[in-house]
Amino acid sequence: MYPNLRLELWKRRIRQHEFAKSLQMDETVLSKIVNGIRRPSVQLQRQIAVLLNRDEAWLFEPVEGAARPQNEKADAPQ
């Protein structure tokens, strides 16, 4: 899970479906990213950080003990 991304969307009162639309992506894909089920590409991370005017590393700082995203290998360094 990316709690900082979730927090930033909440603080700005941005709904996921609205943000997904601005990113030109499906709302379910964004939901999976926010919930840590799916890992965004480096390009998408940058795009989100630019739209929110926030530090990319801070936005995508994972939570310890959270489930590993589906497209991340178990032995890949984090």
PDB file of N, CA and C in Angstrom:
ATOM      1  N   MET A   1       0.841  -1.173   0.000  1.00  0.00           N
ATOM      2  CA  MET A   1       0.000   0.000   0.000  1.00  0.00           C
ATOM      3  C   MET A   1       0.889   1.240   0.000  1.00  0.00           C
ATOM      4  N   TYR A   2       0.396   2.282  -0.631  1.00  0.00           N
ATOM      5  CA  TYR A   2       1.103   3.554  -0.671  1.00  0.00           C
ATOM      6  C   TYR A   2       0.295   4.579   0.129  1.00  0.00           C
ATOM      7  N   PRO A   3       0.471   4.578   1.448  1.00  0.00           N
ATOM      8  CA  PRO A   3      -0.362   5.455   2.292  1.00  0.00           C
ATOM      9  C   PRO A   3      -0.164   6.940   2.017  1.00  0.00           C
ATOM     10  N   ASN A   4       1.020   7.333   1.579  1.00  0.00           N
ATOM     11  CA  ASN A   4       1.246   8.752   1.305  1.00  0.00           C
ATOM     12  C   ASN A   4       0.461   9.211   0.080  1.00  0.00           C
ATOM     13  N   LEU A   5       0.366   8.346  -0.906  1.00  0.00           N
ATOM     14  CA  LEU A   5      -0.441   8.656  -2.085  1.00  0.00           C
ATOM     15  C   LEU A   5      -1.909   8.758  -1.693  1.00  0.00           C
ATOM     16  N   ARG A   6      -2.370   7.806  -0.921  1.00  0.00           N
ATOM     17  CA  ARG A   6      -3.757   7.814  -0.452  1.00  0.00           C
ATOM     18  C   ARG A   6      -4.032   9.085   0.367  1.00  0.00           C
ATOM     19  N   LEU A   7      -3.108   9.419   1.260  1.00  0.00           N
ATOM     20  CA  LEU A   7      -3.254  10.602   2.107  1.00  0.00           C
ATOM     21  C   LEU A   7      -3.324  11.874   1.264  1.00  0.00           C
ATOM     22  N   GLU A   8      -2.462  11.971   0.278  1.00  0.00           N
ATOM     23  CA  GLU A   8      -2.428  13.166  -0.566  1.00  0.00           C
ATOM     24  C   GLU A   8      -3.726  13.332  -1.342  1.00  0.00           C
ATOM     25  N   LEU A   9      -4.256  12.249  -1.860  1.00  0.00           N
ATOM     26  CA  LEU A   9      -5.538  12.321  -2.565  1.00  0.00           C
ATOM     27  C   LEU A   9      -6.646  12.737  -1.596  1.00  0.00           C
ATOM     28  N   TRP A  10      -6.628  12.190  -0.385  1.00  0.00           N
ATOM     29  CA  TRP A  10      -7.634  12.517   0.622  1.00  0.00           C
ATOM     30  C   TRP A  10      -7.537  13.987   1.038  1.00  0.00           C
ATOM     31  N   LYS A  11      -6.318  14.465   1.311  1.00  0.00           N
ATOM     32  CA  LYS A  11      -6.128  15.853   1.738  1.00  0.00           C
ATOM     33  C   LYS A  11      -6.637  16.839   0.689  1.00  0.00           C
ATOM     34  N   ARG A  12      -6.470  16.481  -0.554  1.00  0.00           N
ATOM     35  CA  ARG A  12      -6.889  17.372  -1.646  1.00  0.00           C
ATOM     36  C   ARG A  12      -8.334  17.128  -2.075  1.00  0.00           C
ATOM     37  N   ARG A  13      -8.962  16.157  -1.411  1.00  0.00           N
ATOM     38  CA  ARG A  13     -10.350  15.789  -1.727  1.00  0.00           C
ATOM     39  C   ARG A  13     -10.508  15.404  -3.190  1.00  0.00           C
ATOM     40  N   ILE A  14      -9.523  14.662  -3.678  1.00  0.00           N
ATOM     41  CA  ILE A  14      -9.548  14.176  -5.055  1.00  0.00           C
ATOM     42  C   ILE A  14     -10.095  12.750  -5.028  1.00  0.00           C
ATOM     43  N   ARG A  15     -11.132  12.534  -5.774  1.00  0.00           N
ATOM     44  CA  ARG A  15     -11.698  11.184  -5.883  1.00  0.00           C
ATOM     45  C   ARG A  15     -10.876  10.385  -6.897  1.00  0.00           C
ATOM     46  N   GLN A  16     -10.740   9.084  -6.595  1.00  0.00           N
ATOM     47  CA  GLN A  16      -9.902   8.248  -7.458  1.00  0.00           C
ATOM     48  C   GLN A  16     -10.396   8.247  -8.896  1.00  0.00           C
ATOM     49  N   HIS A  17     -11.711   8.226  -9.103  1.00  0.00           N
ATOM     50  CA  HIS A  17     -12.199   8.191 -10.487  1.00  0.00           C
ATOM     51  C   HIS A  17     -11.861   9.487 -11.225  1.00  0.00           C
ATOM     52  N   GLU A  18     -11.848  10.627 -10.514  1.00  0.00           N
ATOM     53  CA  GLU A  18     -11.473  11.900 -11.132  1.00  0.00           C
ATOM     54  C   GLU A  18      -9.980  11.921 -11.456  1.00  0.00           C
ATOM     55  N   PHE A  19      -9.179  11.423 -10.519  1.00  0.00           N
ATOM     56  CA  PHE A  19      -7.736  11.406 -10.724  1.00  0.00           C
ATOM     57  C   PHE A  19      -7.367  10.437 -11.850  1.00  0.00           C
ATOM     58  N   ALA A  20      -8.031   9.298 -11.881  1.00  0.00           N
ATOM     59  CA  ALA A  20      -7.786   8.327 -12.951  1.00  0.00           C
ATOM     60  C   ALA A  20      -8.099   8.948 -14.311  1.00  0.00           C
ATOM     61  N   LYS A  21      -9.172   9.712 -14.359  1.00  0.00           N
ATOM     62  CA  LYS A  21      -9.546  10.370 -15.610  1.00  0.00           C
ATOM     63  C   LYS A  21      -8.458  11.353 -16.045  1.00  0.00           C
ATOM     64  N   SER A  22      -7.901  12.107 -15.090  1.00  0.00           N
ATOM     65  CA  SER A  22      -6.846  13.067 -15.438  1.00  0.00           C
ATOM     66  C   SER A  22      -5.568  12.359 -15.875  1.00  0.00           C
ATOM     67  N   LEU A  23      -5.390  11.112 -15.427  1.00  0.00           N
ATOM     68  CA  LEU A  23      -4.232  10.314 -15.838  1.00  0.00           C
ATOM     69  C   LEU A  23      -4.520   9.504 -17.101  1.00  0.00           C
ATOM     70  N   GLN A  24      -5.756   9.576 -17.573  1.00  0.00           N
ATOM     71  CA  GLN A  24      -6.210   8.818 -18.736  1.00  0.00           C
ATOM     72  C   GLN A  24      -6.005   7.322 -18.528  1.00  0.00           C
ATOM     73  N   MET A  25      -6.462   6.863 -17.356  1.00  0.00           N
ATOM     74  CA  MET A  25      -6.348   5.439 -17.047  1.00  0.00           C
ATOM     75  C   MET A  25      -7.636   4.957 -16.412  1.00  0.00           C
ATOM     76  N   ASP A  26      -7.780   3.657 -16.340  1.00  0.00           N
ATOM     77  CA  ASP A  26      -8.956   3.045 -15.742  1.00  0.00           C
ATOM     78  C   ASP A  26      -8.930   3.229 -14.225  1.00  0.00           C
ATOM     79  N   GLU A  27     -10.080   3.529 -13.663  1.00  0.00           N
ATOM     80  CA  GLU A  27     -10.194   3.748 -12.220  1.00  0.00           C
ATOM     81  C   GLU A  27      -9.767   2.517 -11.419  1.00  0.00           C
ATOM     82  N   THR A  28     -10.064   1.332 -11.914  1.00  0.00           N
ATOM     83  CA  THR A  28      -9.698   0.116 -11.168  1.00  0.00           C
ATOM     84  C   THR A  28      -8.189  -0.070 -11.113  1.00  0.00           C
ATOM     85  N   VAL A  29      -7.488   0.333 -12.158  1.00  0.00           N
ATOM     86  CA  VAL A  29      -6.023   0.237 -12.170  1.00  0.00           C
ATOM     87  C   VAL A  29      -5.439   1.193 -11.125  1.00  0.00           C
ATOM     88  N   LEU A  30      -5.957   2.417 -11.085  1.00  0.00           N
ATOM     89  CA  LEU A  30      -5.482   3.378 -10.086  1.00  0.00           C
ATOM     90  C   LEU A  30      -5.779   2.870  -8.677  1.00  0.00           C
ATOM     91  N   SER A  31      -6.938   2.305  -8.465  1.00  0.00           N
ATOM     92  CA  SER A  31      -7.300   1.767  -7.156  1.00  0.00           C
ATOM     93  C   SER A  31      -6.318   0.680  -6.724  1.00  0.00           C
ATOM     94  N   LYS A  32      -5.938  -0.180  -7.653  1.00  0.00           N
ATOM     95  CA  LYS A  32      -4.975  -1.241  -7.340  1.00  0.00           C
ATOM     96  C   LYS A  32      -3.607  -0.651  -6.994  1.00  0.00           C
ATOM     97  N   ILE A  33      -3.237   0.425  -7.639  1.00  0.00           N
ATOM     98  CA  ILE A  33      -1.960   1.089  -7.338  1.00  0.00           C
ATOM     99  C   ILE A  33      -2.021   1.708  -5.948  1.00  0.00           C
ATOM    100  N   VAL A  34      -3.062   2.474  -5.661  1.00  0.00           N
ATOM    101  CA  VAL A  34      -3.210   3.138  -4.364  1.00  0.00           C
ATOM    102  C   VAL A  34      -3.224   2.119  -3.227  1.00  0.00           C
ATOM    103  N   ASN A  35      -3.847   0.981  -3.460  1.00  0.00           N
ATOM    104  CA  ASN A  35      -3.954  -0.054  -2.437  1.00  0.00           C
ATOM    105  C   ASN A  35      -2.761  -1.001  -2.398  1.00  0.00           C
ATOM    106  N   GLY A  36      -1.770  -0.761  -3.250  1.00  0.00           N
ATOM    107  CA  GLY A  36      -0.558  -1.564  -3.225  1.00  0.00           C
ATOM    108  C   GLY A  36      -0.674  -2.921  -3.874  1.00  0.00           C
ATOM    109  N   ILE A  37      -1.726  -3.147  -4.618  1.00  0.00           N
ATOM    110  CA  ILE A  37      -1.916  -4.431  -5.299  1.00  0.00           C
ATOM    111  C   ILE A  37      -1.112  -4.460  -6.591  1.00  0.00           C
ATOM    112  N   ARG A  38      -0.935  -3.300  -7.171  1.00  0.00           N
ATOM    113  CA  ARG A  38      -0.209  -3.182  -8.428  1.00  0.00           C
ATOM    114  C   ARG A  38       0.844  -2.090  -8.302  1.00  0.00           C
ATOM    115  N   ARG A  39       2.001  -2.323  -8.860  1.00  0.00           N
ATOM    116  CA  ARG A  39       3.090  -1.343  -8.819  1.00  0.00           C
ATOM    117  C   ARG A  39       3.048  -0.506 -10.097  1.00  0.00           C
ATOM    118  N   PRO A  40       3.044   0.817  -9.956  1.00  0.00           N
ATOM    119  CA  PRO A  40       3.027   1.665 -11.148  1.00  0.00           C
ATOM    120  C   PRO A  40       4.393   1.699 -11.823  1.00  0.00           C
ATOM    121  N   SER A  41       4.377   1.944 -13.114  1.00  0.00           N
ATOM    122  CA  SER A  41       5.637   2.097 -13.841  1.00  0.00           C
ATOM    123  C   SER A  41       6.343   3.350 -13.346  1.00  0.00           C
ATOM    124  N   VAL A  42       7.623   3.445 -13.629  1.00  0.00           N
ATOM    125  CA  VAL A  42       8.398   4.627 -13.248  1.00  0.00           C
ATOM    126  C   VAL A  42       7.803   5.866 -13.907  1.00  0.00           C
ATOM    127  N   GLN A  43       7.403   5.734 -15.156  1.00  0.00           N
ATOM    128  CA  GLN A  43       6.808   6.848 -15.893  1.00  0.00           C
ATOM    129  C   GLN A  43       5.501   7.293 -15.223  1.00  0.00           C
ATOM    130  N   LEU A  44       4.666   6.356 -14.817  1.00  0.00           N
ATOM    131  CA  LEU A  44       3.405   6.693 -14.167  1.00  0.00           C
ATOM    132  C   LEU A  44       3.646   7.317 -12.792  1.00  0.00           C
ATOM    133  N   GLN A  45       4.632   6.821 -12.070  1.00  0.00           N
ATOM    134  CA  GLN A  45       4.970   7.422 -10.776  1.00  0.00           C
ATOM    135  C   GLN A  45       5.337   8.895 -10.962  1.00  0.00           C
ATOM    136  N   ARG A  46       6.149   9.177 -11.967  1.00  0.00           N
ATOM    137  CA  ARG A  46       6.539  10.567 -12.246  1.00  0.00           C
ATOM    138  C   ARG A  46       5.339  11.421 -12.611  1.00  0.00           C
ATOM    139  N   GLN A  47       4.480  10.871 -13.445  1.00  0.00           N
ATOM    140  CA  GLN A  47       3.290  11.596 -13.888  1.00  0.00           C
ATOM    141  C   GLN A  47       2.390  11.946 -12.691  1.00  0.00           C
ATOM    142  N   ILE A  48       2.190  10.999 -11.788  1.00  0.00           N
ATOM    143  CA  ILE A  48       1.375  11.229 -10.595  1.00  0.00           C
ATOM    144  C   ILE A  48       2.029  12.279  -9.705  1.00  0.00           C
ATOM    145  N   ALA A  49       3.332  12.160  -9.499  1.00  0.00           N
ATOM    146  CA  ALA A  49       4.056  13.115  -8.659  1.00  0.00           C
ATOM    147  C   ALA A  49       3.973  14.528  -9.224  1.00  0.00           C
ATOM    148  N   VAL A  50       4.073  14.662 -10.525  1.00  0.00           N
ATOM    149  CA  VAL A  50       3.989  15.977 -11.163  1.00  0.00           C
ATOM    150  C   VAL A  50       2.579  16.549 -10.998  1.00  0.00           C
ATOM    151  N   LEU A  51       1.554  15.728 -11.236  1.00  0.00           N
ATOM    152  CA  LEU A  51       0.179  16.209 -11.099  1.00  0.00           C
ATOM    153  C   LEU A  51      -0.128  16.653  -9.678  1.00  0.00           C
ATOM    154  N   LEU A  52       0.435  15.947  -8.696  1.00  0.00           N
ATOM    155  CA  LEU A  52       0.184  16.287  -7.295  1.00  0.00           C
ATOM    156  C   LEU A  52       1.215  17.266  -6.741  1.00  0.00           C
ATOM    157  N   ASN A  53       2.239  17.562  -7.529  1.00  0.00           N
ATOM    158  CA  ASN A  53       3.322  18.457  -7.107  1.00  0.00           C
ATOM    159  C   ASN A  53       3.931  17.984  -5.777  1.00  0.00           C
ATOM    160  N   ARG A  54       4.237  16.694  -5.721  1.00  0.00           N
ATOM    161  CA  ARG A  54       4.815  16.082  -4.519  1.00  0.00           C
ATOM    162  C   ARG A  54       6.036  15.262  -4.917  1.00  0.00           C
ATOM    163  N   ASP A  55       6.862  14.956  -3.928  1.00  0.00           N
ATOM    164  CA  ASP A  55       8.047  14.139  -4.142  1.00  0.00           C
ATOM    165  C   ASP A  55       7.643  12.704  -4.482  1.00  0.00           C
ATOM    166  N   GLU A  56       8.166  12.228  -5.585  1.00  0.00           N
ATOM    167  CA  GLU A  56       7.841  10.878  -6.068  1.00  0.00           C
ATOM    168  C   GLU A  56       8.201   9.792  -5.056  1.00  0.00           C
ATOM    169  N   ALA A  57       9.393   9.883  -4.474  1.00  0.00           N
ATOM    170  CA  ALA A  57       9.829   8.866  -3.506  1.00  0.00           C
ATOM    171  C   ALA A  57       8.911   8.849  -2.290  1.00  0.00           C
ATOM    172  N   TRP A  58       8.482  10.011  -1.835  1.00  0.00           N
ATOM    173  CA  TRP A  58       7.585  10.093  -0.676  1.00  0.00           C
ATOM    174  C   TRP A  58       6.213   9.506  -0.999  1.00  0.00           C
ATOM    175  N   LEU A  59       5.675   9.853  -2.166  1.00  0.00           N
ATOM    176  CA  LEU A  59       4.349   9.348  -2.552  1.00  0.00           C
ATOM    177  C   LEU A  59       4.305   7.833  -2.628  1.00  0.00           C
ATOM    178  N   PHE A  60       5.383   7.240  -3.115  1.00  0.00           N
ATOM    179  CA  PHE A  60       5.386   5.798  -3.358  1.00  0.00           C
ATOM    180  C   PHE A  60       6.228   5.022  -2.350  1.00  0.00           C
ATOM    181  N   GLU A  61       6.363   5.566  -1.170  1.00  0.00           N
ATOM    182  CA  GLU A  61       7.045   4.867  -0.089  1.00  0.00           C
ATOM    183  C   GLU A  61       6.112   3.766   0.418  1.00  0.00           C
ATOM    184  N   PRO A  62       6.506   2.500   0.267  1.00  0.00           N
ATOM    185  CA  PRO A  62       5.612   1.401   0.666  1.00  0.00           C
ATOM    186  C   PRO A  62       5.563   1.230   2.184  1.00  0.00           C
ATOM    187  N   VAL A  63       4.523   0.558   2.629  1.00  0.00           N
ATOM    188  CA  VAL A  63       4.351   0.240   4.048  1.00  0.00           C
ATOM    189  C   VAL A  63       5.048  -1.080   4.329  1.00  0.00           C
ATOM    190  N   GLU A  64       5.796  -1.132   5.424  1.00  0.00           N
ATOM    191  CA  GLU A  64       6.429  -2.393   5.836  1.00  0.00           C
ATOM    192  C   GLU A  64       5.355  -3.437   6.126  1.00  0.00           C
ATOM    193  N   GLY A  65       5.575  -4.641   5.658  1.00  0.00           N
ATOM    194  CA  GLY A  65       4.657  -5.744   5.935  1.00  0.00           C
ATOM    195  C   GLY A  65       3.435  -5.764   5.045  1.00  0.00           C
ATOM    196  N   ALA A  66       3.306  -4.809   4.131  1.00  0.00           N
ATOM    197  CA  ALA A  66       2.166  -4.798   3.215  1.00  0.00           C
ATOM    198  C   ALA A  66       2.362  -5.874   2.157  1.00  0.00           C
ATOM    199  N   ALA A  67       1.267  -6.303   1.583  1.00  0.00           N
ATOM    200  CA  ALA A  67       1.327  -7.311   0.527  1.00  0.00           C
ATOM    201  C   ALA A  67       2.149  -6.782  -0.638  1.00  0.00           C
ATOM    202  N   ARG A  68       2.905  -7.660  -1.262  1.00  0.00           N
ATOM    203  CA  ARG A  68       3.747  -7.290  -2.395  1.00  0.00           C
ATOM    204  C   ARG A  68       2.868  -7.094  -3.635  1.00  0.00           C
ATOM    205  N   PRO A  69       3.095  -6.027  -4.414  1.00  0.00           N
ATOM    206  CA  PRO A  69       2.310  -5.816  -5.630  1.00  0.00           C
ATOM    207  C   PRO A  69       2.406  -7.008  -6.565  1.00  0.00           C
ATOM    208  N   GLN A  70       1.342  -7.248  -7.324  1.00  0.00           N
ATOM    209  CA  GLN A  70       1.262  -8.408  -8.201  1.00  0.00           C
ATOM    210  C   GLN A  70       2.382  -8.468  -9.227  1.00  0.00           C
ATOM    211  N   ASN A  71       2.803  -7.358  -9.758  1.00  0.00           N
ATOM    212  CA  ASN A  71       3.810  -7.378 -10.815  1.00  0.00           C
ATOM    213  C   ASN A  71       5.221  -7.185 -10.276  1.00  0.00           C
ATOM    214  N   GLU A  72       5.428  -7.517  -9.016  1.00  0.00           N
ATOM    215  CA  GLU A  72       6.765  -7.424  -8.421  1.00  0.00           C
ATOM    216  C   GLU A  72       7.208  -8.829  -8.015  1.00  0.00           C
ATOM    217  N   LYS A  73       8.415  -9.203  -8.401  1.00  0.00           N
ATOM    218  CA  LYS A  73       8.936 -10.524  -8.052  1.00  0.00           C
ATOM    219  C   LYS A  73       9.285 -10.583  -6.573  1.00  0.00           C
ATOM    220  N   ALA A  74       9.117 -11.732  -5.983  1.00  0.00           N
ATOM    221  CA  ALA A  74       9.365 -11.907  -4.553  1.00  0.00           C
ATOM    222  C   ALA A  74      10.819 -11.633  -4.168  1.00  0.00           C
ATOM    223  N   ASP A  75      11.761 -11.914  -5.090  1.00  0.00           N
ATOM    224  CA  ASP A  75      13.167 -11.735  -4.756  1.00  0.00           C
ATOM    225  C   ASP A  75      13.731 -10.404  -5.221  1.00  0.00           C
ATOM    226  N   ALA A  76      12.887  -9.546  -5.783  1.00  0.00           N
ATOM    227  CA  ALA A  76      13.363  -8.247  -6.267  1.00  0.00           C
ATOM    228  C   ALA A  76      13.606  -7.307  -5.098  1.00  0.00           C
ATOM    229  N   PRO A  77      14.732  -6.591  -5.108  1.00  0.00           N
ATOM    230  CA  PRO A  77      14.996  -5.641  -4.015  1.00  0.00           C
ATOM    231  C   PRO A  77      14.006  -4.500  -4.047  1.00  0.00           C
ATOM    232  N   GLN A  78      13.704  -3.963  -2.875  1.00  0.00           N
ATOM    233  CA  GLN A  78      12.730  -2.864  -2.803  1.00  0.00           C
ATOM    234  C   GLN A  78      13.409  -1.574  -2.533  1.00  0.00           C
TER     235      GLN A  78
END
